[in-house]
């Protein structure tokens, strides 16, 4: 997940906060923003091979963000393919589970 304390630029005002693992996502840091972007990465799948646990962590964070920011638009990008075939399989599983969750809550 990507989020940094730098501004996103004149065209995209706001705040970026770096969260290199799912545990580092702080839902309260999203308060006050109309648009929230979560860019999923491979770090958690690389460190902890349990795809379901990773999806559960992310969806729990998304649920918390929805509670804290009910009028915000939350945008979630899936994990992009990597050069490592064994991680691509996990990424596809993660994305499938994530899309299932997102379709349920929307």
PDB file of N, CA and C in Angstrom:
ATOM      1  N   UNK A   1       0.851  -1.166   0.000  1.00  0.00           N
ATOM      2  CA  UNK A   1       0.000   0.000   0.000  1.00  0.00           C
ATOM      3  C   UNK A   1       0.900   1.232   0.000  1.00  0.00           C
ATOM      4  N   UNK A   2       0.580   2.192  -0.794  1.00  0.00           N
ATOM      5  CA  UNK A   2       1.411   3.398  -0.854  1.00  0.00           C
ATOM      6  C   UNK A   2       0.629   4.568  -0.306  1.00  0.00           C
ATOM      7  N   UNK A   3       1.254   5.262   0.481  1.00  0.00           N
ATOM      8  CA  UNK A   3       0.686   6.468   1.013  1.00  0.00           C
ATOM      9  C   UNK A   3       1.926   7.275   1.448  1.00  0.00           C
ATOM     10  N   UNK A   4       2.906   8.876   1.477  1.00  0.00           N
ATOM     11  CA  UNK A   4       4.120   9.563   1.908  1.00  0.00           C
ATOM     12  C   UNK A   4       3.721  10.932   2.426  1.00  0.00           C
ATOM     13  N   UNK A   5       4.471  11.467   3.232  1.00  0.00           N
ATOM     14  CA  UNK A   5       4.141  12.765   3.807  1.00  0.00           C
ATOM     15  C   UNK A   5       4.340  13.897   2.818  1.00  0.00           C
ATOM     16  N   UNK A   6       4.720  13.586   1.593  1.00  0.00           N
ATOM     17  CA  UNK A   6       4.914  14.605   0.569  1.00  0.00           C
ATOM     18  C   UNK A   6       3.579  14.994  -0.050  1.00  0.00           C
ATOM     19  N   UNK A   7       3.515  16.203  -0.577  1.00  0.00           N
ATOM     20  CA  UNK A   7       2.341  16.623  -1.330  1.00  0.00           C
ATOM     21  C   UNK A   7       2.316  15.841  -2.636  1.00  0.00           C
ATOM     22  N   UNK A   8       1.138  15.627  -3.171  1.00  0.00           N
ATOM     23  CA  UNK A   8       1.040  14.921  -4.441  1.00  0.00           C
ATOM     24  C   UNK A   8       1.146  15.874  -5.621  1.00  0.00           C
ATOM     25  N   UNK A   9       1.444  17.152  -5.368  1.00  0.00           N
ATOM     26  CA  UNK A   9       1.633  18.105  -6.457  1.00  0.00           C
ATOM     27  C   UNK A   9       0.491  19.079  -6.577  1.00  0.00           C
ATOM     28  N   UNK A  10       0.697  20.096  -7.408  1.00  0.00           N
ATOM     29  CA  UNK A  10      -0.313  21.137  -7.580  1.00  0.00           C
ATOM     30  C   UNK A  10      -1.602  20.600  -8.180  1.00  0.00           C
ATOM     31  N   UNK A  11      -1.474  19.648  -9.089  1.00  0.00           N
ATOM     32  CA  UNK A  11      -2.657  19.107  -9.762  1.00  0.00           C
ATOM     33  C   UNK A  11      -3.423  18.127  -8.875  1.00  0.00           C
ATOM     34  N   UNK A  12      -2.725  17.514  -7.933  1.00  0.00           N
ATOM     35  CA  UNK A  12      -3.341  16.546  -7.016  1.00  0.00           C
ATOM     36  C   UNK A  12      -3.004  16.931  -5.580  1.00  0.00           C
ATOM     37  N   UNK A  13      -3.700  17.931  -5.041  1.00  0.00           N
ATOM     38  CA  UNK A  13      -3.390  18.342  -3.674  1.00  0.00           C
ATOM     39  C   UNK A  13      -3.744  17.232  -2.691  1.00  0.00           C
ATOM     40  N   UNK A  14      -3.064  17.196  -1.603  1.00  0.00           N
ATOM     41  CA  UNK A  14      -3.351  16.202  -0.596  1.00  0.00           C
ATOM     42  C   UNK A  14      -2.089  15.720   0.071  1.00  0.00           C
ATOM     43  N   UNK A  15      -2.164  14.571   0.642  1.00  0.00           N
ATOM     44  CA  UNK A  15      -1.053  14.027   1.394  1.00  0.00           C
ATOM     45  C   UNK A  15      -0.836  12.581   0.986  1.00  0.00           C
ATOM     46  N   UNK A  16       0.429  12.204   0.854  1.00  0.00           N
ATOM     47  CA  UNK A  16       0.785  10.817   0.568  1.00  0.00           C
ATOM     48  C   UNK A  16       1.446  10.253   1.819  1.00  0.00           C
ATOM     49  N   UNK A  17       1.059   9.056   2.196  1.00  0.00           N
ATOM     50  CA  UNK A  17       1.613   8.412   3.382  1.00  0.00           C
ATOM     51  C   UNK A  17       2.149   7.052   2.967  1.00  0.00           C
ATOM     52  N   UNK A  18       3.409   6.791   3.273  1.00  0.00           N
ATOM     53  CA  UNK A  18       4.017   5.502   2.915  1.00  0.00           C
ATOM     54  C   UNK A  18       3.588   4.436   3.913  1.00  0.00           C
ATOM     55  N   UNK A  19       3.080   3.358   3.389  1.00  0.00           N
ATOM     56  CA  UNK A  19       2.726   2.187   4.202  1.00  0.00           C
ATOM     57  C   UNK A  19       3.207   0.983   3.397  1.00  0.00           C
ATOM     58  N   UNK A  20       4.334   0.444   3.774  1.00  0.00           N
ATOM     59  CA  UNK A  20       4.950  -0.610   2.975  1.00  0.00           C
ATOM     60  C   UNK A  20       4.373  -1.996   3.249  1.00  0.00           C
ATOM     61  N   UNK A  21       3.613  -2.123   4.334  1.00  0.00           N
ATOM     62  CA  UNK A  21       2.899  -3.368   4.621  1.00  0.00           C
ATOM     63  C   UNK A  21       1.483  -3.002   5.064  1.00  0.00           C
ATOM     64  N   UNK A  22       0.613  -3.955   5.064  1.00  0.00           N
ATOM     65  CA  UNK A  22      -0.776  -3.709   5.444  1.00  0.00           C
ATOM     66  C   UNK A  22      -0.884  -3.245   6.889  1.00  0.00           C
ATOM     67  N   UNK A  23      -0.036  -3.780   7.768  1.00  0.00           N
ATOM     68  CA  UNK A  23      -0.065  -3.372   9.171  1.00  0.00           C
ATOM     69  C   UNK A  23       0.244  -1.892   9.345  1.00  0.00           C
ATOM     70  N   UNK A  24       0.958  -1.303   8.410  1.00  0.00           N
ATOM     71  CA  UNK A  24       1.345   0.105   8.515  1.00  0.00           C
ATOM     72  C   UNK A  24       0.255   1.068   8.049  1.00  0.00           C
ATOM     73  N   UNK A  25      -0.819   0.566   7.479  1.00  0.00           N
ATOM     74  CA  UNK A  25      -1.920   1.442   7.061  1.00  0.00           C
ATOM     75  C   UNK A  25      -2.661   1.900   8.314  1.00  0.00           C
ATOM     76  N   UNK A  26      -2.764   3.219   8.483  1.00  0.00           N
ATOM     77  CA  UNK A  26      -3.472   3.787   9.621  1.00  0.00           C
ATOM     78  C   UNK A  26      -4.759   4.429   9.112  1.00  0.00           C
ATOM     79  N   UNK A  27      -5.896   3.787   9.312  1.00  0.00           N
ATOM     80  CA  UNK A  27      -7.152   4.322   8.782  1.00  0.00           C
ATOM     81  C   UNK A  27      -7.476   5.742   9.247  1.00  0.00           C
ATOM     82  N   UNK A  28      -7.048   6.125  10.448  1.00  0.00           N
ATOM     83  CA  UNK A  28      -7.360   7.472  10.931  1.00  0.00           C
ATOM     84  C   UNK A  28      -6.631   8.553  10.136  1.00  0.00           C
ATOM     85  N   UNK A  29      -5.542   8.200   9.463  1.00  0.00           N
ATOM     86  CA  UNK A  29      -4.826   9.196   8.657  1.00  0.00           C
ATOM     87  C   UNK A  29      -5.614   9.583   7.401  1.00  0.00           C
ATOM     88  N   UNK A  30      -6.678   8.868   7.106  1.00  0.00           N
ATOM     89  CA  UNK A  30      -7.510   9.167   5.929  1.00  0.00           C
ATOM     90  C   UNK A  30      -8.599  10.184   6.242  1.00  0.00           C
ATOM     91  N   UNK A  31      -8.799  10.479   7.512  1.00  0.00           N
ATOM     92  CA  UNK A  31      -9.882  11.386   7.915  1.00  0.00           C
ATOM     93  C   UNK A  31      -9.707  12.755   7.263  1.00  0.00           C
ATOM     94  N   UNK A  32     -10.803  13.283   6.750  1.00  0.00           N
ATOM     95  CA  UNK A  32     -10.804  14.618   6.184  1.00  0.00           C
ATOM     96  C   UNK A  32     -10.538  14.690   4.691  1.00  0.00           C
ATOM     97  N   UNK A  33     -10.328  13.560   4.051  1.00  0.00           N
ATOM     98  CA  UNK A  33     -10.044  13.555   2.615  1.00  0.00           C
ATOM     99  C   UNK A  33     -11.252  13.036   1.835  1.00  0.00           C
ATOM    100  N   UNK A  34     -11.545  13.681   0.718  1.00  0.00           N
ATOM    101  CA  UNK A  34     -12.671  13.273  -0.120  1.00  0.00           C
ATOM    102  C   UNK A  34     -12.326  12.055  -0.958  1.00  0.00           C
ATOM    103  N   UNK A  35     -11.060  11.930  -1.354  1.00  0.00           N
ATOM    104  CA  UNK A  35     -10.606  10.809  -2.183  1.00  0.00           C
ATOM    105  C   UNK A  35      -9.438  10.123  -1.499  1.00  0.00           C
ATOM    106  N   UNK A  36      -9.527   8.817  -1.405  1.00  0.00           N
ATOM    107  CA  UNK A  36      -8.488   8.009  -0.758  1.00  0.00           C
ATOM    108  C   UNK A  36      -8.049   6.955  -1.757  1.00  0.00           C
ATOM    109  N   UNK A  37      -6.739   6.829  -1.950  1.00  0.00           N
ATOM    110  CA  UNK A  37      -6.186   5.855  -2.898  1.00  0.00           C
ATOM    111  C   UNK A  37      -5.323   4.857  -2.136  1.00  0.00           C
ATOM    112  N   UNK A  38      -5.614   3.594  -2.328  1.00  0.00           N
ATOM    113  CA  UNK A  38      -4.815   2.514  -1.753  1.00  0.00           C
ATOM    114  C   UNK A  38      -4.223   1.733  -2.927  1.00  0.00           C
ATOM    115  N   UNK A  39      -2.899   1.710  -3.008  1.00  0.00           N
ATOM    116  CA  UNK A  39      -2.203   0.969  -4.059  1.00  0.00           C
ATOM    117  C   UNK A  39      -1.600  -0.277  -3.434  1.00  0.00           C
ATOM    118  N   UNK A  40      -2.143  -1.425  -3.782  1.00  0.00           N
ATOM    119  CA  UNK A  40      -1.688  -2.682  -3.182  1.00  0.00           C
ATOM    120  C   UNK A  40      -0.349  -3.114  -3.776  1.00  0.00           C
ATOM    121  N   UNK A  41       0.494  -3.628  -2.916  1.00  0.00           N
ATOM    122  CA  UNK A  41       1.801  -4.124  -3.339  1.00  0.00           C
ATOM    123  C   UNK A  41       2.008  -5.558  -2.896  1.00  0.00           C
ATOM    124  N   UNK A  42       3.159  -6.076  -3.205  1.00  0.00           N
ATOM    125  CA  UNK A  42       3.458  -7.492  -3.012  1.00  0.00           C
ATOM    126  C   UNK A  42       4.154  -7.800  -1.678  1.00  0.00           C
ATOM    127  N   UNK A  43       4.546  -6.766  -0.916  1.00  0.00           N
ATOM    128  CA  UNK A  43       5.357  -6.982   0.279  1.00  0.00           C
ATOM    129  C   UNK A  43       4.765  -7.982   1.263  1.00  0.00           C
ATOM    130  N   UNK A  44       3.492  -7.841   1.579  1.00  0.00           N
ATOM    131  CA  UNK A  44       2.884  -8.759   2.544  1.00  0.00           C
ATOM    132  C   UNK A  44       2.853 -10.189   2.028  1.00  0.00           C
ATOM    133  N   UNK A  45       2.574 -10.364   0.749  1.00  0.00           N
ATOM    134  CA  UNK A  45       2.559 -11.721   0.184  1.00  0.00           C
ATOM    135  C   UNK A  45       3.960 -12.314   0.160  1.00  0.00           C
ATOM    136  N   UNK A  46       4.945 -11.489  -0.024  1.00  0.00           N
ATOM    137  CA  UNK A  46       6.331 -11.957  -0.033  1.00  0.00           C
ATOM    138  C   UNK A  46       6.762 -12.378   1.374  1.00  0.00           C
ATOM    139  N   UNK A  47       6.374 -11.588   2.381  1.00  0.00           N
ATOM    140  CA  UNK A  47       6.780 -11.853   3.760  1.00  0.00           C
ATOM    141  C   UNK A  47       5.925 -12.929   4.417  1.00  0.00           C
ATOM    142  N   UNK A  48       4.640 -12.913   4.112  1.00  0.00           N
ATOM    143  CA  UNK A  48       3.696 -13.855   4.721  1.00  0.00           C
ATOM    144  C   UNK A  48       2.906 -14.473   3.575  1.00  0.00           C
ATOM    145  N   UNK A  49       3.143 -15.710   3.287  1.00  0.00           N
ATOM    146  CA  UNK A  49       2.549 -16.339   2.121  1.00  0.00           C
ATOM    147  C   UNK A  49       1.054 -16.601   2.191  1.00  0.00           C
ATOM    148  N   UNK A  50       0.410 -16.293   3.310  1.00  0.00           N
ATOM    149  CA  UNK A  50      -1.007 -16.599   3.471  1.00  0.00           C
ATOM    150  C   UNK A  50      -1.856 -15.521   2.795  1.00  0.00           C
ATOM    151  N   UNK A  51      -2.349 -15.834   1.619  1.00  0.00           N
ATOM    152  CA  UNK A  51      -3.108 -14.871   0.817  1.00  0.00           C
ATOM    153  C   UNK A  51      -4.374 -14.444   1.545  1.00  0.00           C
ATOM    154  N   UNK A  52      -5.100 -15.391   2.109  1.00  0.00           N
ATOM    155  CA  UNK A  52      -6.363 -15.062   2.789  1.00  0.00           C
ATOM    156  C   UNK A  52      -6.126 -14.110   3.965  1.00  0.00           C
ATOM    157  N   UNK A  53      -5.052 -14.348   4.711  1.00  0.00           N
ATOM    158  CA  UNK A  53      -4.743 -13.457   5.836  1.00  0.00           C
ATOM    159  C   UNK A  53      -4.441 -12.043   5.349  1.00  0.00           C
ATOM    160  N   UNK A  54      -3.725 -11.932   4.252  1.00  0.00           N
ATOM    161  CA  UNK A  54      -3.418 -10.611   3.682  1.00  0.00           C
ATOM    162  C   UNK A  54      -4.688  -9.901   3.227  1.00  0.00           C
ATOM    163  N   UNK A  55      -5.570 -10.622   2.565  1.00  0.00           N
ATOM    164  CA  UNK A  55      -6.835 -10.023   2.114  1.00  0.00           C
ATOM    165  C   UNK A  55      -7.668  -9.602   3.320  1.00  0.00           C
ATOM    166  N   UNK A  56      -7.712 -10.443   4.344  1.00  0.00           N
ATOM    167  CA  UNK A  56      -8.481 -10.105   5.543  1.00  0.00           C
ATOM    168  C   UNK A  56      -7.933  -8.852   6.223  1.00  0.00           C
ATOM    169  N   UNK A  57      -6.609  -8.717   6.260  1.00  0.00           N
ATOM    170  CA  UNK A  57      -6.009  -7.501   6.842  1.00  0.00           C
ATOM    171  C   UNK A  57      -6.421  -6.270   6.050  1.00  0.00           C
ATOM    172  N   UNK A  58      -6.333  -6.352   4.723  1.00  0.00           N
ATOM    173  CA  UNK A  58      -6.679  -5.195   3.899  1.00  0.00           C
ATOM    174  C   UNK A  58      -8.159  -4.860   4.014  1.00  0.00           C
ATOM    175  N   UNK A  59      -9.021  -5.853   3.930  1.00  0.00           N
ATOM    176  CA  UNK A  59     -10.453  -5.568   3.989  1.00  0.00           C
ATOM    177  C   UNK A  59     -10.851  -5.017   5.362  1.00  0.00           C
ATOM    178  N   UNK A  60     -10.170  -5.453   6.410  1.00  0.00           N
ATOM    179  CA  UNK A  60     -10.417  -4.889   7.739  1.00  0.00           C
ATOM    180  C   UNK A  60     -10.038  -3.408   7.764  1.00  0.00           C
ATOM    181  N   UNK A  61      -8.895  -3.073   7.170  1.00  0.00           N
ATOM    182  CA  UNK A  61      -8.471  -1.668   7.093  1.00  0.00           C
ATOM    183  C   UNK A  61      -9.466  -0.861   6.257  1.00  0.00           C
ATOM    184  N   UNK A  62      -9.938  -1.426   5.154  1.00  0.00           N
ATOM    185  CA  UNK A  62     -10.911  -0.729   4.307  1.00  0.00           C
ATOM    186  C   UNK A  62     -12.218  -0.499   5.056  1.00  0.00           C
ATOM    187  N   UNK A  63     -12.665  -1.498   5.820  1.00  0.00           N
ATOM    188  CA  UNK A  63     -13.878  -1.331   6.625  1.00  0.00           C
ATOM    189  C   UNK A  63     -13.715  -0.204   7.636  1.00  0.00           C
ATOM    190  N   UNK A  64     -12.530  -0.136   8.268  1.00  0.00           N
ATOM    191  CA  UNK A  64     -12.268   0.929   9.234  1.00  0.00           C
ATOM    192  C   UNK A  64     -12.265   2.294   8.558  1.00  0.00           C
ATOM    193  N   UNK A  65     -11.654   2.376   7.379  1.00  0.00           N
ATOM    194  CA  UNK A  65     -11.630   3.643   6.637  1.00  0.00           C
ATOM    195  C   UNK A  65     -13.057   4.059   6.283  1.00  0.00           C
ATOM    196  N   UNK A  66     -13.882   3.110   5.875  1.00  0.00           N
ATOM    197  CA  UNK A  66     -15.284   3.412   5.537  1.00  0.00           C
ATOM    198  C   UNK A  66     -16.040   3.959   6.746  1.00  0.00           C
ATOM    199  N   UNK A  67     -15.754   3.424   7.922  1.00  0.00           N
ATOM    200  CA  UNK A  67     -16.413   3.904   9.144  1.00  0.00           C
ATOM    201  C   UNK A  67     -15.946   5.314   9.493  1.00  0.00           C
ATOM    202  N   UNK A  68     -14.643   5.566   9.369  1.00  0.00           N
ATOM    203  CA  UNK A  68     -14.069   6.865   9.725  1.00  0.00           C
ATOM    204  C   UNK A  68     -14.418   7.928   8.685  1.00  0.00           C
ATOM    205  N   UNK A  69     -14.485   7.525   7.426  1.00  0.00           N
ATOM    206  CA  UNK A  69     -14.685   8.460   6.302  1.00  0.00           C
ATOM    207  C   UNK A  69     -15.875   8.020   5.447  1.00  0.00           C
ATOM    208  N   UNK A  70     -17.086   8.058   5.982  1.00  0.00           N
ATOM    209  CA  UNK A  70     -18.230   7.510   5.247  1.00  0.00           C
ATOM    210  C   UNK A  70     -18.546   8.214   3.929  1.00  0.00           C
ATOM    211  N   UNK A  71     -18.162   9.479   3.788  1.00  0.00           N
ATOM    212  CA  UNK A  71     -18.483  10.184   2.540  1.00  0.00           C
ATOM    213  C   UNK A  71     -17.304  10.228   1.568  1.00  0.00           C
ATOM    214  N   UNK A  72     -16.183   9.628   1.936  1.00  0.00           N
ATOM    215  CA  UNK A  72     -15.007   9.628   1.062  1.00  0.00           C
ATOM    216  C   UNK A  72     -15.146   8.582  -0.032  1.00  0.00           C
ATOM    217  N   UNK A  73     -14.517   8.867  -1.145  1.00  0.00           N
ATOM    218  CA  UNK A  73     -14.438   7.887  -2.234  1.00  0.00           C
ATOM    219  C   UNK A  73     -13.116   7.137  -2.058  1.00  0.00           C
ATOM    220  N   UNK A  74     -13.200   5.826  -1.924  1.00  0.00           N
ATOM    221  CA  UNK A  74     -12.009   5.008  -1.693  1.00  0.00           C
ATOM    222  C   UNK A  74     -11.689   4.258  -2.972  1.00  0.00           C
ATOM    223  N   UNK A  75     -10.485   4.463  -3.484  1.00  0.00           N
ATOM    224  CA  UNK A  75     -10.022   3.818  -4.709  1.00  0.00           C
ATOM    225  C   UNK A  75      -8.945   2.807  -4.340  1.00  0.00           C
ATOM    226  N   UNK A  76      -9.115   1.574  -4.789  1.00  0.00           N
ATOM    227  CA  UNK A  76      -8.162   0.512  -4.461  1.00  0.00           C
ATOM    228  C   UNK A  76      -7.623  -0.076  -5.755  1.00  0.00           C
ATOM    229  N   UNK A  77      -6.309  -0.070  -5.882  1.00  0.00           N
ATOM    230  CA  UNK A  77      -5.698  -0.694  -7.061  1.00  0.00           C
ATOM    231  C   UNK A  77      -5.205  -2.083  -6.673  1.00  0.00           C
ATOM    232  N   UNK A  78      -5.312  -3.037  -7.585  1.00  0.00           N
ATOM    233  CA  UNK A  78      -4.866  -4.402  -7.297  1.00  0.00           C
ATOM    234  C   UNK A  78      -3.342  -4.510  -7.329  1.00  0.00           C
ATOM    235  N   UNK A  79      -2.861  -5.679  -6.951  1.00  0.00           N
ATOM    236  CA  UNK A  79      -1.427  -5.966  -7.050  1.00  0.00           C
ATOM    237  C   UNK A  79      -1.080  -6.156  -8.519  1.00  0.00           C
ATOM    238  N   UNK A  80      -0.038  -5.484  -8.967  1.00  0.00           N
ATOM    239  CA  UNK A  80       0.416  -5.625 -10.354  1.00  0.00           C
ATOM    240  C   UNK A  80       1.294  -6.862 -10.494  1.00  0.00           C
ATOM    241  N   UNK A  81       1.384  -7.427 -11.689  1.00  0.00           N
ATOM    242  CA  UNK A  81       2.226  -8.613 -11.908  1.00  0.00           C
ATOM    243  C   UNK A  81       3.695  -8.325 -11.603  1.00  0.00           C
ATOM    244  N   UNK A  82       4.396  -9.366 -11.215  1.00  0.00           N
ATOM    245  CA  UNK A  82       5.827  -9.268 -10.953  1.00  0.00           C
ATOM    246  C   UNK A  82       6.565 -10.211 -11.895  1.00  0.00           C
ATOM    247  N   UNK A  83       7.881 -10.228 -11.803  1.00  0.00           N
ATOM    248  CA  UNK A  83       8.679 -11.167 -12.604  1.00  0.00           C
ATOM    249  C   UNK A  83       8.731 -12.556 -11.980  1.00  0.00           C
ATOM    250  N   UNK A  84       8.258 -12.680 -10.731  1.00  0.00           N
ATOM    251  CA  UNK A  84       8.342 -13.944 -10.007  1.00  0.00           C
ATOM    252  C   UNK A  84       7.033 -14.720 -10.149  1.00  0.00           C
ATOM    253  N   UNK A  85       7.079 -15.816 -10.874  1.00  0.00           N
ATOM    254  CA  UNK A  85       5.865 -16.582 -11.185  1.00  0.00           C
ATOM    255  C   UNK A  85       5.124 -17.039  -9.937  1.00  0.00           C
ATOM    256  N   UNK A  86       5.852 -17.493  -8.918  1.00  0.00           N
ATOM    257  CA  UNK A  86       5.173 -17.987  -7.715  1.00  0.00           C
ATOM    258  C   UNK A  86       4.428 -16.861  -6.985  1.00  0.00           C
ATOM    259  N   UNK A  87       4.916 -15.640  -7.072  1.00  0.00           N
ATOM    260  CA  UNK A  87       4.200 -14.518  -6.464  1.00  0.00           C
ATOM    261  C   UNK A  87       3.045 -14.047  -7.336  1.00  0.00           C
ATOM    262  N   UNK A  88       3.164 -14.220  -8.645  1.00  0.00           N
ATOM    263  CA  UNK A  88       2.056 -13.841  -9.527  1.00  0.00           C
ATOM    264  C   UNK A  88       0.813 -14.663  -9.239  1.00  0.00           C
ATOM    265  N   UNK A  89       0.985 -15.931  -8.956  1.00  0.00           N
ATOM    266  CA  UNK A  89      -0.159 -16.776  -8.607  1.00  0.00           C
ATOM    267  C   UNK A  89      -0.839 -16.272  -7.342  1.00  0.00           C
ATOM    268  N   UNK A  90      -0.033 -15.917  -6.340  1.00  0.00           N
ATOM    269  CA  UNK A  90      -0.594 -15.378  -5.097  1.00  0.00           C
ATOM    270  C   UNK A  90      -1.243 -14.021  -5.344  1.00  0.00           C
ATOM    271  N   UNK A  91      -0.627 -13.213  -6.191  1.00  0.00           N
ATOM    272  CA  UNK A  91      -1.197 -11.903  -6.508  1.00  0.00           C
ATOM    273  C   UNK A  91      -2.549 -12.051  -7.188  1.00  0.00           C
ATOM    274  N   UNK A  92      -2.670 -12.999  -8.103  1.00  0.00           N
ATOM    275  CA  UNK A  92      -3.963 -13.233  -8.775  1.00  0.00           C
ATOM    276  C   UNK A  92      -5.020 -13.670  -7.763  1.00  0.00           C
ATOM    277  N   UNK A  93      -4.642 -14.564  -6.848  1.00  0.00           N
ATOM    278  CA  UNK A  93      -5.588 -15.002  -5.812  1.00  0.00           C
ATOM    279  C   UNK A  93      -6.001 -13.821  -4.938  1.00  0.00           C
ATOM    280  N   UNK A  94      -5.022 -13.013  -4.526  1.00  0.00           N
ATOM    281  CA  UNK A  94      -5.292 -11.829  -3.708  1.00  0.00           C
ATOM    282  C   UNK A  94      -6.264 -10.898  -4.436  1.00  0.00           C
ATOM    283  N   UNK A  95      -5.967 -10.592  -5.689  1.00  0.00           N
ATOM    284  CA  UNK A  95      -6.822  -9.689  -6.467  1.00  0.00           C
ATOM    285  C   UNK A  95      -8.223 -10.244  -6.625  1.00  0.00           C
ATOM    286  N   UNK A  96      -8.353 -11.543  -6.889  1.00  0.00           N
ATOM    287  CA  UNK A  96      -9.683 -12.150  -7.019  1.00  0.00           C
ATOM    288  C   UNK A  96     -10.485 -11.990  -5.736  1.00  0.00           C
ATOM    289  N   UNK A  97      -9.843 -12.255  -4.592  1.00  0.00           N
ATOM    290  CA  UNK A  97     -10.536 -12.118  -3.301  1.00  0.00           C
ATOM    291  C   UNK A  97     -10.864 -10.658  -3.014  1.00  0.00           C
ATOM    292  N   UNK A  98      -9.945  -9.763  -3.366  1.00  0.00           N
ATOM    293  CA  UNK A  98     -10.175  -8.336  -3.162  1.00  0.00           C
ATOM    294  C   UNK A  98     -11.343  -7.857  -4.018  1.00  0.00           C
ATOM    295  N   UNK A  99     -11.380  -8.248  -5.294  1.00  0.00           N
ATOM    296  CA  UNK A  99     -12.481  -7.839  -6.172  1.00  0.00           C
ATOM    297  C   UNK A  99     -13.818  -8.389  -5.668  1.00  0.00           C
ATOM    298  N   UNK A 100     -13.815  -9.609  -5.143  1.00  0.00           N
ATOM    299  CA  UNK A 100     -15.038 -10.183  -4.580  1.00  0.00           C
ATOM    300  C   UNK A 100     -15.538  -9.305  -3.435  1.00  0.00           C
ATOM    301  N   UNK A 101     -14.629  -8.941  -2.523  1.00  0.00           N
ATOM    302  CA  UNK A 101     -14.985  -8.071  -1.387  1.00  0.00           C
ATOM    303  C   UNK A 101     -15.525  -6.723  -1.895  1.00  0.00           C
ATOM    304  N   UNK A 102     -14.798  -6.104  -2.822  1.00  0.00           N
ATOM    305  CA  UNK A 102     -15.192  -4.788  -3.310  1.00  0.00           C
ATOM    306  C   UNK A 102     -16.558  -4.829  -4.006  1.00  0.00           C
ATOM    307  N   UNK A 103     -16.835  -5.889  -4.729  1.00  0.00           N
ATOM    308  CA  UNK A 103     -18.149  -6.015  -5.376  1.00  0.00           C
ATOM    309  C   UNK A 103     -19.260  -6.205  -4.345  1.00  0.00           C
ATOM    310  N   UNK A 104     -18.942  -6.848  -3.225  1.00  0.00           N
ATOM    311  CA  UNK A 104     -19.932  -7.043  -2.164  1.00  0.00           C
ATOM    312  C   UNK A 104     -20.280  -5.739  -1.458  1.00  0.00           C
ATOM    313  N   UNK A 105     -19.277  -4.904  -1.196  1.00  0.00           N
ATOM    314  CA  UNK A 105     -19.520  -3.682  -0.425  1.00  0.00           C
ATOM    315  C   UNK A 105     -20.005  -2.524  -1.287  1.00  0.00           C
ATOM    316  N   UNK A 106     -19.885  -2.614  -2.592  1.00  0.00           N
ATOM    317  CA  UNK A 106     -20.345  -1.524  -3.475  1.00  0.00           C
ATOM    318  C   UNK A 106     -21.721  -1.771  -3.989  1.00  0.00           C
TER     319      UNK A 106
END
